[in-house]
Structure formats: C-alpha cells, structure tokens
PDB file of all heavy atoms in Angstrom:
ATOM      1  N   VAL A   1      -5.552  -0.094  -7.655  1.00  0.00           N
ATOM      2  CA  VAL A   1      -5.123  -0.016  -6.231  1.00  0.00           C
ATOM      3  C   VAL A   1      -3.962   0.996  -5.990  1.00  0.00           C
ATOM      4  O   VAL A   1      -4.142   1.853  -5.088  1.00  0.00           O
ATOM      5  CB  VAL A   1      -4.740  -1.416  -5.690  1.00  0.00           C
ATOM      6  CG1 VAL A   1      -4.037  -1.358  -4.301  1.00  0.00           C
ATOM      7  CG2 VAL A   1      -5.961  -2.354  -5.601  1.00  0.00           C
ATOM      8  N   GLN A   2      -2.843   0.712  -6.635  1.00  0.00           N
ATOM      9  CA  GLN A   2      -1.781   1.582  -6.370  1.00  0.00           C
ATOM     10  C   GLN A   2      -1.867   3.109  -6.597  1.00  0.00           C
ATOM     11  O   GLN A   2      -1.420   3.871  -5.952  1.00  0.00           O
ATOM     12  CB  GLN A   2      -0.540   1.051  -7.056  1.00  0.00           C
ATOM     13  CG  GLN A   2       0.774   1.560  -6.556  1.00  0.00           C
ATOM     14  CD  GLN A   2       0.963   1.108  -5.031  1.00  0.00           C
ATOM     15  OE1 GLN A   2       0.735  -0.134  -4.700  1.00  0.00           O
ATOM     16  NE2 GLN A   2       1.286   1.946  -4.063  1.00  0.00           N
ATOM     17  N   ASP A   3      -2.772   3.367  -7.598  1.00  0.00           N
ATOM     18  CA  ASP A   3      -3.046   4.711  -7.782  1.00  0.00           C
ATOM     19  C   ASP A   3      -3.693   5.404  -6.789  1.00  0.00           C
ATOM     20  O   ASP A   3      -3.362   6.535  -6.224  1.00  0.00           O
ATOM     21  CB  ASP A   3      -3.944   4.860  -9.197  1.00  0.00           C
ATOM     22  CG  ASP A   3      -4.248   6.285  -9.523  1.00  0.00           C
ATOM     23  OD1 ASP A   3      -3.300   7.106  -9.650  1.00  0.00           O
ATOM     24  OD2 ASP A   3      -5.476   6.627  -9.594  1.00  0.00           O
ATOM     25  N   SER A   4      -4.733   4.721  -6.140  1.00  0.00           N
ATOM     26  CA  SER A   4      -5.412   5.236  -5.052  1.00  0.00           C
ATOM     27  C   SER A   4      -4.632   5.367  -3.868  1.00  0.00           C
ATOM     28  O   SER A   4      -4.591   6.391  -3.065  1.00  0.00           O
ATOM     29  CB  SER A   4      -6.618   4.412  -4.644  1.00  0.00           C
ATOM     30  OG  SER A   4      -7.602   4.511  -5.823  1.00  0.00           O
ATOM     31  N   VAL A   5      -3.765   4.377  -3.593  1.00  0.00           N
ATOM     32  CA  VAL A   5      -2.833   4.423  -2.399  1.00  0.00           C
ATOM     33  C   VAL A   5      -1.907   5.561  -2.634  1.00  0.00           C
ATOM     34  O   VAL A   5      -1.611   6.294  -1.515  1.00  0.00           O
ATOM     35  CB  VAL A   5      -2.140   3.113  -2.352  1.00  0.00           C
ATOM     36  CG1 VAL A   5      -0.971   3.197  -1.327  1.00  0.00           C
ATOM     37  CG2 VAL A   5      -3.026   1.898  -1.892  1.00  0.00           C
ATOM     38  N   ASP A   6      -1.222   5.710  -3.747  1.00  0.00           N
ATOM     39  CA  ASP A   6      -0.269   6.800  -3.991  1.00  0.00           C
ATOM     40  C   ASP A   6      -0.802   8.115  -3.705  1.00  0.00           C
ATOM     41  O   ASP A   6      -0.287   9.030  -3.154  1.00  0.00           O
ATOM     42  CB  ASP A   6       0.235   6.716  -5.317  1.00  0.00           C
ATOM     43  CG  ASP A   6       1.108   5.537  -5.526  1.00  0.00           C
ATOM     44  OD1 ASP A   6       1.596   4.921  -4.448  1.00  0.00           O
ATOM     45  OD2 ASP A   6       1.556   5.158  -6.612  1.00  0.00           O
ATOM     46  N   ARG A   7      -2.200   8.417  -4.221  1.00  0.00           N
ATOM     47  CA  ARG A   7      -2.816   9.695  -3.932  1.00  0.00           C
ATOM     48  C   ARG A   7      -3.071   9.939  -2.585  1.00  0.00           C
ATOM     49  O   ARG A   7      -2.862  11.088  -2.086  1.00  0.00           O
ATOM     50  CB  ARG A   7      -4.086   9.721  -4.853  1.00  0.00           C
ATOM     51  CG  ARG A   7      -3.843   9.755  -6.303  1.00  0.00           C
ATOM     52  CD  ARG A   7      -5.169   9.556  -7.113  1.00  0.00           C
ATOM     53  NE  ARG A   7      -5.969  10.716  -6.880  1.00  0.00           N
ATOM     54  CZ  ARG A   7      -7.385  10.763  -7.260  1.00  0.00           C
ATOM     55  NH1 ARG A   7      -7.809   9.705  -7.894  1.00  0.00           N
ATOM     56  NH2 ARG A   7      -8.148  11.866  -7.091  1.00  0.00           N
ATOM     57  N   ILE A   8      -3.501   8.994  -1.879  1.00  0.00           N
ATOM     58  CA  ILE A   8      -3.785   9.212  -0.441  1.00  0.00           C
ATOM     59  C   ILE A   8      -2.625   9.525   0.371  1.00  0.00           C
ATOM     60  O   ILE A   8      -2.481  10.338   1.157  1.00  0.00           O
ATOM     61  CB  ILE A   8      -4.655   7.914   0.041  1.00  0.00           C
ATOM     62  CG1 ILE A   8      -5.973   7.823  -0.528  1.00  0.00           C
ATOM     63  CG2 ILE A   8      -4.695   8.039   1.631  1.00  0.00           C
ATOM     64  CD1 ILE A   8      -6.679   6.506  -0.269  1.00  0.00           C
ATOM     65  N   VAL A   9      -1.499   8.697   0.151  1.00  0.00           N
ATOM     66  CA  VAL A   9      -0.293   8.819   0.988  1.00  0.00           C
ATOM     67  C   VAL A   9       0.301  10.105   0.559  1.00  0.00           C
ATOM     68  O   VAL A   9       0.871  10.805   1.535  1.00  0.00           O
ATOM     69  CB  VAL A   9       0.648   7.589   0.596  1.00  0.00           C
ATOM     70  CG1 VAL A   9       2.041   7.803   1.291  1.00  0.00           C
ATOM     71  CG2 VAL A   9       0.061   6.331   1.171  1.00  0.00           C
ATOM     72  N   ALA A  10       0.361  10.547  -0.609  1.00  0.00           N
ATOM     73  CA  ALA A  10       0.932  11.878  -1.035  1.00  0.00           C
ATOM     74  C   ALA A  10       0.378  12.974  -0.332  1.00  0.00           C
ATOM     75  O   ALA A  10       0.996  14.112  -0.150  1.00  0.00           O
ATOM     76  CB  ALA A  10       0.900  11.951  -2.543  1.00  0.00           C
ATOM     77  N   ALA A  11      -1.015  12.843   0.047  1.00  0.00           N
ATOM     78  CA  ALA A  11      -1.665  13.910   0.659  1.00  0.00           C
ATOM     79  C   ALA A  11      -1.626  13.780   2.235  1.00  0.00           C
ATOM     80  O   ALA A  11      -2.142  14.591   2.988  1.00  0.00           O
ATOM     81  CB  ALA A  11      -3.169  13.869   0.309  1.00  0.00           C
ATOM     82  N   GLY A  12      -0.781  12.832   2.671  1.00  0.00           N
ATOM     83  CA  GLY A  12      -0.696  12.722   4.134  1.00  0.00           C
ATOM     84  C   GLY A  12      -1.624  11.711   4.717  1.00  0.00           C
ATOM     85  O   GLY A  12      -1.671  11.618   5.993  1.00  0.00           O
ATOM     86  N   GLY A  13      -2.394  10.962   3.921  1.00  0.00           N
ATOM     87  CA  GLY A  13      -3.272   9.972   4.505  1.00  0.00           C
ATOM     88  C   GLY A  13      -2.709   8.641   4.585  1.00  0.00           C
ATOM     89  O   GLY A  13      -1.474   8.517   4.338  1.00  0.00           O
ATOM     90  N   LEU A  14      -3.480   7.637   4.935  1.00  0.00           N
ATOM     91  CA  LEU A  14      -3.003   6.352   5.282  1.00  0.00           C
ATOM     92  C   LEU A  14      -3.726   5.248   4.454  1.00  0.00           C
ATOM     93  O   LEU A  14      -4.964   5.258   4.593  1.00  0.00           O
ATOM     94  CB  LEU A  14      -3.006   5.904   6.821  1.00  0.00           C
ATOM     95  CG  LEU A  14      -2.189   6.955   7.674  1.00  0.00           C
ATOM     96  CD1 LEU A  14      -2.532   6.654   9.150  1.00  0.00           C
ATOM     97  CD2 LEU A  14      -0.730   6.565   7.464  1.00  0.00           C
ATOM     98  N   ALA A  15      -2.971   4.575   3.565  1.00  0.00           N
ATOM     99  CA  ALA A  15      -3.634   3.488   2.800  1.00  0.00           C
ATOM    100  C   ALA A  15      -2.537   2.532   2.332  1.00  0.00           C
ATOM    101  O   ALA A  15      -1.366   3.031   2.238  1.00  0.00           O
ATOM    102  CB  ALA A  15      -4.336   4.109   1.589  1.00  0.00           C
ATOM    103  N   VAL A  16      -2.822   1.272   2.170  1.00  0.00           N
ATOM    104  CA  VAL A  16      -1.860   0.318   1.733  1.00  0.00           C
ATOM    105  C   VAL A  16      -2.622  -0.688   0.766  1.00  0.00           C
ATOM    106  O   VAL A  16      -3.892  -0.815   0.759  1.00  0.00           O
ATOM    107  CB  VAL A  16      -1.258  -0.498   2.850  1.00  0.00           C
ATOM    108  CG1 VAL A  16      -0.464   0.298   3.752  1.00  0.00           C
ATOM    109  CG2 VAL A  16      -2.362  -1.376   3.506  1.00  0.00           C
ATOM    110  N   ALA A  17      -1.879  -1.270  -0.174  1.00  0.00           N
ATOM    111  CA  ALA A  17      -2.488  -2.296  -1.019  1.00  0.00           C
ATOM    112  C   ALA A  17      -2.562  -3.559  -0.148  1.00  0.00           C
ATOM    113  O   ALA A  17      -1.554  -3.835   0.630  1.00  0.00           O
ATOM    114  CB  ALA A  17      -1.537  -2.439  -2.233  1.00  0.00           C
ATOM    115  N   VAL A  18      -3.597  -4.285  -0.338  1.00  0.00           N
ATOM    116  CA  VAL A  18      -3.672  -5.663   0.317  1.00  0.00           C
ATOM    117  C   VAL A  18      -2.956  -6.610  -0.461  1.00  0.00           C
ATOM    118  O   VAL A  18      -3.225  -6.817  -1.677  1.00  0.00           O
ATOM    119  CB  VAL A  18      -5.176  -6.017   0.421  1.00  0.00           C
ATOM    120  CG1 VAL A  18      -5.351  -7.511   1.084  1.00  0.00           C
ATOM    121  CG2 VAL A  18      -6.092  -4.979   1.268  1.00  0.00           C
ATOM    122  N   ARG A  19      -1.977  -7.335   0.194  1.00  0.00           N
ATOM    123  CA  ARG A  19      -1.201  -8.231  -0.442  1.00  0.00           C
ATOM    124  C   ARG A  19      -1.248  -9.560   0.162  1.00  0.00           C
ATOM    125  O   ARG A  19      -1.644  -9.856   1.307  1.00  0.00           O
ATOM    126  CB  ARG A  19       0.318  -7.724  -0.387  1.00  0.00           C
ATOM    127  CG  ARG A  19       0.482  -6.368  -0.945  1.00  0.00           C
ATOM    128  CD  ARG A  19       1.989  -5.928  -1.142  1.00  0.00           C
ATOM    129  NE  ARG A  19       2.165  -4.549  -1.380  1.00  0.00           N
ATOM    130  CZ  ARG A  19       2.069  -3.992  -2.658  1.00  0.00           C
ATOM    131  NH1 ARG A  19       1.812  -4.833  -3.668  1.00  0.00           N
ATOM    132  NH2 ARG A  19       2.248  -2.812  -2.965  1.00  0.00           N
ATOM    133  N   ARG A  20      -0.678 -10.589  -0.497  1.00  0.00           N
ATOM    134  CA  ARG A  20      -0.509 -11.911   0.009  1.00  0.00           C
ATOM    135  C   ARG A  20       0.828 -12.018   0.665  1.00  0.00           C
ATOM    136  O   ARG A  20       1.650 -11.127   0.226  1.00  0.00           O
ATOM    137  CB  ARG A  20      -0.752 -13.031  -1.127  1.00  0.00           C
ATOM    138  CG  ARG A  20      -2.172 -12.935  -1.677  1.00  0.00           C
ATOM    139  CD  ARG A  20      -2.593 -14.099  -2.533  1.00  0.00           C
ATOM    140  NE  ARG A  20      -3.858 -14.012  -3.009  1.00  0.00           N
ATOM    141  CZ  ARG A  20      -4.995 -14.430  -2.496  1.00  0.00           C
ATOM    142  NH1 ARG A  20      -4.867 -15.118  -1.301  1.00  0.00           N
ATOM    143  NH2 ARG A  20      -6.136 -14.292  -2.942  1.00  0.00           N
ATOM    144  N   GLU A  21       1.001 -12.923   1.570  1.00  0.00           N
ATOM    145  CA  GLU A  21       2.284 -13.028   2.183  1.00  0.00           C
ATOM    146  C   GLU A  21       3.454 -13.298   1.347  1.00  0.00           C
ATOM    147  O   GLU A  21       3.283 -13.970   0.406  1.00  0.00           O
ATOM    148  CB  GLU A  21       2.118 -14.026   3.419  1.00  0.00           C
ATOM    149  CG  GLU A  21       2.212 -15.382   2.814  1.00  0.00           C
ATOM    150  CD  GLU A  21       2.158 -16.405   4.024  1.00  0.00           C
ATOM    151  OE1 GLU A  21       2.947 -16.310   4.952  1.00  0.00           O
ATOM    152  OE2 GLU A  21       1.338 -17.323   4.064  1.00  0.00           O
ATOM    153  N   ASN A  22       4.553 -12.886   1.816  1.00  0.00           N
ATOM    154  CA  ASN A  22       5.843 -13.069   1.161  1.00  0.00           C
ATOM    155  C   ASN A  22       6.725 -13.847   2.219  1.00  0.00           C
ATOM    156  O   ASN A  22       7.536 -13.154   2.905  1.00  0.00           O
ATOM    157  CB  ASN A  22       6.536 -11.788   0.592  1.00  0.00           C
ATOM    158  CG  ASN A  22       7.719 -11.981  -0.090  1.00  0.00           C
ATOM    159  OD1 ASN A  22       8.428 -13.058   0.006  1.00  0.00           O
ATOM    160  ND2 ASN A  22       8.249 -10.934  -0.820  1.00  0.00           N
ATOM    161  N   PRO A  23       6.673 -15.198   2.167  1.00  0.00           N
ATOM    162  CA  PRO A  23       7.438 -15.955   3.145  1.00  0.00           C
ATOM    163  C   PRO A  23       8.949 -15.616   3.180  1.00  0.00           C
ATOM    164  O   PRO A  23       9.616 -15.570   4.286  1.00  0.00           O
ATOM    165  CB  PRO A  23       7.278 -17.431   2.819  1.00  0.00           C
ATOM    166  CG  PRO A  23       5.956 -17.388   2.142  1.00  0.00           C
ATOM    167  CD  PRO A  23       5.937 -16.095   1.295  1.00  0.00           C
ATOM    168  N   ASP A  24       9.536 -15.307   2.102  1.00  0.00           N
ATOM    169  CA  ASP A  24      10.893 -15.064   2.033  1.00  0.00           C
ATOM    170  C   ASP A  24      11.297 -13.690   2.745  1.00  0.00           C
ATOM    171  O   ASP A  24      12.232 -13.648   3.539  1.00  0.00           O
ATOM    172  CB  ASP A  24      11.454 -14.937   0.645  1.00  0.00           C
ATOM    173  CG  ASP A  24      11.509 -16.263  -0.064  1.00  0.00           C
ATOM    174  OD1 ASP A  24      11.380 -17.274   0.688  1.00  0.00           O
ATOM    175  OD2 ASP A  24      11.514 -16.291  -1.309  1.00  0.00           O
ATOM    176  N   HIS A  25      10.423 -12.648   2.511  1.00  0.00           N
ATOM    177  CA  HIS A  25      10.726 -11.400   3.207  1.00  0.00           C
ATOM    178  C   HIS A  25      10.436 -11.544   4.702  1.00  0.00           C
ATOM    179  O   HIS A  25      11.266 -10.995   5.444  1.00  0.00           O
ATOM    180  CB  HIS A  25       9.626 -10.333   2.660  1.00  0.00           C
ATOM    181  CG  HIS A  25       9.802  -9.065   3.331  1.00  0.00           C
ATOM    182  ND1 HIS A  25      10.977  -8.250   3.259  1.00  0.00           N
ATOM    183  CD2 HIS A  25       8.846  -8.343   4.037  1.00  0.00           C
ATOM    184  CE1 HIS A  25      10.725  -7.087   3.815  1.00  0.00           C
ATOM    185  NE2 HIS A  25       9.504  -7.105   4.370  1.00  0.00           N
ATOM    186  N   ASP A  26       9.428 -12.395   5.135  1.00  0.00           N
ATOM    187  CA  ASP A  26       9.242 -12.485   6.540  1.00  0.00           C
ATOM    188  C   ASP A  26      10.277 -13.326   7.202  1.00  0.00           C
ATOM    189  O   ASP A  26      10.732 -12.968   8.336  1.00  0.00           O
ATOM    190  CB  ASP A  26       7.888 -13.233   6.785  1.00  0.00           C
ATOM    191  CG  ASP A  26       6.671 -12.389   6.443  1.00  0.00           C
ATOM    192  OD1 ASP A  26       6.669 -11.353   6.894  1.00  0.00           O
ATOM    193  OD2 ASP A  26       5.824 -12.826   5.651  1.00  0.00           O
TER     194      ASP A  26
END
C-alpha cells in the first residue's frame, strides 16, 4: 500500500492508505 501511495503522491497525484480509526488522535 505505502509504496503505491508514495509513488503517486511524489508525482503530484492523490492517494492514501485506508486505515482504521485512531480514537486518541481524533
């Protein structure tokens, strides 16, 4: 996942990893 996300974002595209919620961060 992160490899694909990093490649897309580095080229100016938009992608994120799908994650589960982090209640502490929220």
